[in-house]
Amino acid sequence: GEAVPISIDGAEVGTASVDDWVTEPGTGSTSVNIRATYTAKSDWALDPGAWELLTAEGLEVPLAADPPMPASLAEGQTATYTLVTETDDDLEGAFIAYVDTEAATFVFVVALE
């Protein structure tokens, strides 16, 4: 996916991208696995709560890194993480969202197609 610039407190810290994803319907729920890549332009305190699924109904489904991501990336570091969730929410028309949790705003969204 396209690398999108990420800023914290007005300063660009690097880019984040959604590389690919897999949805696996199960009995009564859907398992979602997403690969996301961070590239740090400066030291970057990572927010483990920044990723979620946004359903067509407006529900926000948190994604968790598995294994957990580190607290930060050093300048020049690139790392790819797997984000996972299992949900019984309808994912038809849903988006993968990167959220600025302090400002409660969506930084970017990618259609989960």
Protein backbone atom coordinates (compact mmCIF):
# COMPACT_ATOMS: atom_id res chain seq x y z
CA GLY A 1 0.00 0.00 0.00
CA GLU A 2 0.89 3.64 -0.24
CA ALA A 3 3.07 5.00 2.57
CA VAL A 4 1.23 7.84 4.30
CA PRO A 5 3.12 10.52 6.28
CA ILE A 6 2.37 10.47 10.02
CA SER A 7 2.85 13.52 12.26
CA ILE A 8 2.88 13.75 16.03
CA ASP A 9 2.40 17.19 17.58
CA GLY A 10 2.86 18.78 14.15
CA ALA A 11 6.19 17.08 13.37
CA GLU A 12 6.42 14.32 10.77
CA VAL A 13 7.82 11.17 12.41
CA GLY A 14 7.64 8.82 9.42
CA THR A 15 5.22 6.88 7.27
CA ALA A 16 2.81 4.01 7.76
CA SER A 17 1.33 1.75 5.13
CA VAL A 18 -1.12 -1.13 4.95
CA ASP A 19 0.67 -3.81 2.91
CA ASP A 20 -1.94 -6.56 2.71
CA TRP A 21 -4.67 -8.27 4.67
CA VAL A 22 -6.57 -11.53 4.96
CA THR A 23 -10.10 -12.03 6.25
CA GLU A 24 -11.14 -15.53 7.30
CA PRO A 25 -14.83 -16.10 8.03
CA GLY A 26 -15.42 -18.49 10.90
CA THR A 27 -18.44 -19.72 12.83
CA GLY A 28 -20.20 -16.52 13.89
CA SER A 29 -17.15 -14.29 13.53
CA THR A 30 -14.46 -13.15 11.11
CA SER A 31 -10.73 -13.24 11.78
CA VAL A 32 -8.74 -10.35 10.27
CA ASN A 33 -4.94 -10.26 9.80
CA ILE A 34 -3.30 -7.09 8.45
CA ARG A 35 0.36 -6.36 7.69
CA ALA A 36 1.39 -2.74 8.28
CA THR A 37 4.82 -1.18 7.79
CA TYR A 38 6.28 1.77 9.65
CA THR A 39 9.29 3.76 8.42
CA ALA A 40 10.65 6.22 11.00
CA LYS A 41 12.13 9.56 9.87
CA SER A 42 12.83 10.44 13.50
CA ASP A 43 12.43 8.64 16.82
CA TRP A 44 8.78 7.56 16.89
CA ALA A 45 6.78 6.59 19.98
CA LEU A 46 4.37 4.01 18.53
CA ASP A 47 0.72 4.01 19.58
CA PRO A 48 -0.49 0.40 19.80
CA GLY A 49 -4.10 1.64 19.80
CA ALA A 50 -3.80 3.58 16.52
CA TRP A 51 -5.18 0.81 14.27
CA GLU A 52 -8.81 -0.23 13.98
CA LEU A 53 -11.45 -1.47 11.60
CA LEU A 54 -14.24 0.99 10.85
CA THR A 55 -17.45 -0.76 9.81
CA ALA A 56 -19.99 0.67 7.36
CA GLU A 57 -22.26 1.18 10.40
CA GLY A 58 -19.58 3.36 12.05
CA LEU A 59 -18.47 0.80 14.65
CA GLU A 60 -14.79 0.91 15.60
CA VAL A 61 -13.16 -2.53 16.07
CA PRO A 62 -9.70 -2.32 17.70
CA LEU A 63 -6.73 -4.10 16.08
CA ALA A 64 -3.86 -5.46 18.17
CA ALA A 65 -0.30 -6.19 17.05
CA ASP A 66 0.63 -9.87 17.40
CA PRO A 67 3.30 -10.11 18.65
CA PRO A 68 3.06 -6.70 20.38
CA MET A 69 4.93 -3.84 18.70
CA PRO A 70 7.75 -2.10 20.58
CA ALA A 71 7.20 1.20 22.38
CA SER A 72 9.13 3.09 19.71
CA LEU A 73 11.16 2.99 16.50
CA ALA A 74 14.51 4.73 16.16
CA GLU A 75 15.22 7.21 13.37
CA GLY A 76 15.81 5.35 10.08
CA GLN A 77 14.24 2.11 11.31
CA THR A 78 11.63 0.23 9.25
CA ALA A 79 9.46 -2.51 10.73
CA THR A 80 6.43 -4.54 9.66
CA TYR A 81 3.82 -5.70 12.16
CA THR A 82 0.84 -8.04 11.99
CA LEU A 83 -2.40 -6.56 13.32
CA VAL A 84 -5.19 -8.94 14.26
CA THR A 85 -8.76 -9.02 15.48
CA GLU A 86 -11.72 -11.32 15.54
CA THR A 87 -15.15 -9.77 15.26
CA ASP A 88 -18.77 -10.74 14.79
CA ASP A 89 -19.48 -7.31 13.23
CA ASP A 90 -20.41 -7.13 9.53
CA LEU A 91 -17.24 -6.15 7.63
CA GLU A 92 -19.00 -5.51 4.29
CA GLY A 93 -17.87 -2.01 3.27
CA ALA A 94 -15.44 -1.73 6.22
CA PHE A 95 -12.16 0.20 6.31
CA ILE A 96 -8.78 -0.27 7.95
CA ALA A 97 -8.12 2.97 9.84
CA TYR A 98 -5.04 4.61 11.37
CA VAL A 99 -6.23 6.93 14.13
CA ASP A 100 -4.59 9.82 15.97
CA THR A 101 -5.88 8.67 19.37
CA GLU A 102 -5.06 11.98 21.12
CA ALA A 103 -6.99 14.09 18.60
CA ALA A 104 -9.56 11.30 17.96
CA THR A 105 -9.24 11.82 14.20
CA PHE A 106 -8.67 9.42 11.33
CA VAL A 107 -5.22 9.92 9.75
CA PHE A 108 -5.99 7.61 6.82
CA VAL A 109 -8.32 4.77 5.88
CA VAL A 110 -8.00 1.89 3.43
CA ALA A 111 -11.03 0.01 2.08
CA LEU A 112 -11.16 -3.60 3.36
CA GLU A 113 -12.09 -5.21 0.03
